[in-house]
């Protein structure tokens, strides 16, 4: 089923509850300062959450951290699925995600 794009107002409302996330064009983005040695476990934990939603973030690794970029490409922008994945990423970062192996 196709995902409906969120309105600017809906995105702004969602961002209030998503600490550290911001809108960048047609995506939600968040940078997380983590050492390179933490990149693998954090990426795996986030991908475990993404698998549940059948929705995958763009993950950019850098010297000073990781940047997550969420957009529903088939819809051409931000959908409810992106907001849900952002919330799940925050749970991972807070240590509250379930262990999915």
C-alpha atoms as a PDB file:
ATOM      1  CA  UNK A   1       0.000   0.000   0.000  1.00  0.00           C
ATOM      2  CA  UNK A   2       1.303   3.441  -0.912  1.00  0.00           C
ATOM      3  CA  UNK A   3       2.265   5.736   1.926  1.00  0.00           C
ATOM      4  CA  UNK A   4       0.689   9.200   2.015  1.00  0.00           C
ATOM      5  CA  UNK A   5       3.012  12.175   2.303  1.00  0.00           C
ATOM      6  CA  UNK A   6       2.733  14.130   5.524  1.00  0.00           C
ATOM      7  CA  UNK A   7       1.866  17.813   5.311  1.00  0.00           C
ATOM      8  CA  UNK A   8       4.353  20.438   6.456  1.00  0.00           C
ATOM      9  CA  UNK A   9       2.242  20.933   9.580  1.00  0.00           C
ATOM     10  CA  UNK A  10       2.192  17.193  10.341  1.00  0.00           C
ATOM     11  CA  UNK A  11       5.972  17.019   9.932  1.00  0.00           C
ATOM     12  CA  UNK A  12       6.484  20.035  12.198  1.00  0.00           C
ATOM     13  CA  UNK A  13       4.236  18.449  14.835  1.00  0.00           C
ATOM     14  CA  UNK A  14       6.117  15.143  14.627  1.00  0.00           C
ATOM     15  CA  UNK A  15       9.488  16.889  14.964  1.00  0.00           C
ATOM     16  CA  UNK A  16       8.425  18.381  18.300  1.00  0.00           C
ATOM     17  CA  UNK A  17       8.421  14.848  19.752  1.00  0.00           C
ATOM     18  CA  UNK A  18      11.604  13.709  17.968  1.00  0.00           C
ATOM     19  CA  UNK A  19      14.580  15.136  19.827  1.00  0.00           C
ATOM     20  CA  UNK A  20      17.476  16.113  17.607  1.00  0.00           C
ATOM     21  CA  UNK A  21      15.682  15.378  14.347  1.00  0.00           C
ATOM     22  CA  UNK A  22      15.207  18.053  11.711  1.00  0.00           C
ATOM     23  CA  UNK A  23      13.766  18.353   8.266  1.00  0.00           C
ATOM     24  CA  UNK A  24      16.173  18.546   5.355  1.00  0.00           C
ATOM     25  CA  UNK A  25      14.231  18.933   2.124  1.00  0.00           C
ATOM     26  CA  UNK A  26      12.084  15.849   1.694  1.00  0.00           C
ATOM     27  CA  UNK A  27      13.665  13.885   4.552  1.00  0.00           C
ATOM     28  CA  UNK A  28      14.087  13.706   8.306  1.00  0.00           C
ATOM     29  CA  UNK A  29      17.730  13.730   9.434  1.00  0.00           C
ATOM     30  CA  UNK A  30      19.630  13.243  12.671  1.00  0.00           C
ATOM     31  CA  UNK A  31      23.338  13.207  13.349  1.00  0.00           C
ATOM     32  CA  UNK A  32      24.645  11.160  16.255  1.00  0.00           C
ATOM     33  CA  UNK A  33      28.156  11.687  17.606  1.00  0.00           C
ATOM     34  CA  UNK A  34      29.581   8.207  18.189  1.00  0.00           C
ATOM     35  CA  UNK A  35      33.114   6.877  17.884  1.00  0.00           C
ATOM     36  CA  UNK A  36      33.929   4.798  14.787  1.00  0.00           C
ATOM     37  CA  UNK A  37      34.104   1.660  16.941  1.00  0.00           C
ATOM     38  CA  UNK A  38      30.377   2.009  17.667  1.00  0.00           C
ATOM     39  CA  UNK A  39      29.262   2.390  14.062  1.00  0.00           C
ATOM     40  CA  UNK A  40      28.690  -1.326  13.411  1.00  0.00           C
ATOM     41  CA  UNK A  41      26.576  -2.151  16.456  1.00  0.00           C
ATOM     42  CA  UNK A  42      24.519   1.036  16.097  1.00  0.00           C
ATOM     43  CA  UNK A  43      23.909   0.437  12.390  1.00  0.00           C
ATOM     44  CA  UNK A  44      22.877  -3.184  13.075  1.00  0.00           C
ATOM     45  CA  UNK A  45      20.531  -2.170  15.889  1.00  0.00           C
ATOM     46  CA  UNK A  46      18.868   0.473  13.702  1.00  0.00           C
ATOM     47  CA  UNK A  47      18.555  -1.935  10.774  1.00  0.00           C
ATOM     48  CA  UNK A  48      16.883  -4.476  13.082  1.00  0.00           C
ATOM     49  CA  UNK A  49      14.215  -1.878  13.856  1.00  0.00           C
ATOM     50  CA  UNK A  50      13.940  -0.922  10.190  1.00  0.00           C
ATOM     51  CA  UNK A  51      13.323  -4.551   9.209  1.00  0.00           C
ATOM     52  CA  UNK A  52      10.243  -4.628  11.443  1.00  0.00           C
ATOM     53  CA  UNK A  53       8.786  -1.697   9.505  1.00  0.00           C
ATOM     54  CA  UNK A  54      10.092  -2.886   6.123  1.00  0.00           C
ATOM     55  CA  UNK A  55      11.542   0.600   5.771  1.00  0.00           C
ATOM     56  CA  UNK A  56      15.211   1.440   5.585  1.00  0.00           C
ATOM     57  CA  UNK A  57      17.161   4.559   6.470  1.00  0.00           C
ATOM     58  CA  UNK A  58      20.113   5.975   4.641  1.00  0.00           C
ATOM     59  CA  UNK A  59      23.013   5.673   7.080  1.00  0.00           C
ATOM     60  CA  UNK A  60      26.099   7.802   6.531  1.00  0.00           C
ATOM     61  CA  UNK A  61      29.155   6.979   8.620  1.00  0.00           C
ATOM     62  CA  UNK A  62      31.718   9.629   9.349  1.00  0.00           C
ATOM     63  CA  UNK A  63      34.749  10.198  11.513  1.00  0.00           C
ATOM     64  CA  UNK A  64      32.678  11.872  14.218  1.00  0.00           C
ATOM     65  CA  UNK A  65      29.454   9.890  14.067  1.00  0.00           C
ATOM     66  CA  UNK A  66      26.537   8.599  12.064  1.00  0.00           C
ATOM     67  CA  UNK A  67      23.843  10.504  10.230  1.00  0.00           C
ATOM     68  CA  UNK A  68      20.426   8.963   9.625  1.00  0.00           C
ATOM     69  CA  UNK A  69      18.293  10.183   6.721  1.00  0.00           C
ATOM     70  CA  UNK A  70      14.680   9.025   6.458  1.00  0.00           C
ATOM     71  CA  UNK A  71      12.488   9.486   3.420  1.00  0.00           C
ATOM     72  CA  UNK A  72       9.931   7.317   1.675  1.00  0.00           C
ATOM     73  CA  UNK A  73      11.359   7.352  -1.827  1.00  0.00           C
ATOM     74  CA  UNK A  74       8.286   5.789  -3.428  1.00  0.00           C
ATOM     75  CA  UNK A  75       6.122   8.609  -2.007  1.00  0.00           C
ATOM     76  CA  UNK A  76       8.656  11.344  -2.687  1.00  0.00           C
ATOM     77  CA  UNK A  77       9.031  12.605   0.871  1.00  0.00           C
ATOM     78  CA  UNK A  78       8.223  12.122   4.532  1.00  0.00           C
ATOM     79  CA  UNK A  79       5.476   9.697   5.554  1.00  0.00           C
ATOM     80  CA  UNK A  80       4.225   8.288   8.847  1.00  0.00           C
ATOM     81  CA  UNK A  81       6.608   5.369   8.351  1.00  0.00           C
ATOM     82  CA  UNK A  82       9.580   7.761   8.495  1.00  0.00           C
ATOM     83  CA  UNK A  83       8.299   9.280  11.741  1.00  0.00           C
ATOM     84  CA  UNK A  84       7.830   5.809  13.237  1.00  0.00           C
ATOM     85  CA  UNK A  85      11.345   4.759  12.234  1.00  0.00           C
ATOM     86  CA  UNK A  86      12.784   7.978  13.691  1.00  0.00           C
ATOM     87  CA  UNK A  87      11.079   7.165  17.003  1.00  0.00           C
ATOM     88  CA  UNK A  88      12.470   3.619  16.896  1.00  0.00           C
ATOM     89  CA  UNK A  89      15.966   4.943  16.166  1.00  0.00           C
ATOM     90  CA  UNK A  90      15.627   7.161  19.224  1.00  0.00           C
ATOM     91  CA  UNK A  91      14.678   4.092  21.277  1.00  0.00           C
ATOM     92  CA  UNK A  92      17.832   2.344  20.054  1.00  0.00           C
ATOM     93  CA  UNK A  93      19.903   5.378  20.999  1.00  0.00           C
ATOM     94  CA  UNK A  94      18.281   5.444  24.444  1.00  0.00           C
ATOM     95  CA  UNK A  95      18.970   1.724  24.921  1.00  0.00           C
ATOM     96  CA  UNK A  96      15.281   0.844  24.908  1.00  0.00           C
ATOM     97  CA  UNK A  97      15.038  -1.208  21.714  1.00  0.00           C
ATOM     98  CA  UNK A  98      14.299  -4.894  21.933  1.00  0.00           C
ATOM     99  CA  UNK A  99      17.082  -7.325  21.053  1.00  0.00           C
ATOM    100  CA  UNK A 100      16.175  -8.713  17.649  1.00  0.00           C
ATOM    101  CA  UNK A 101      19.417 -10.634  17.178  1.00  0.00           C
END
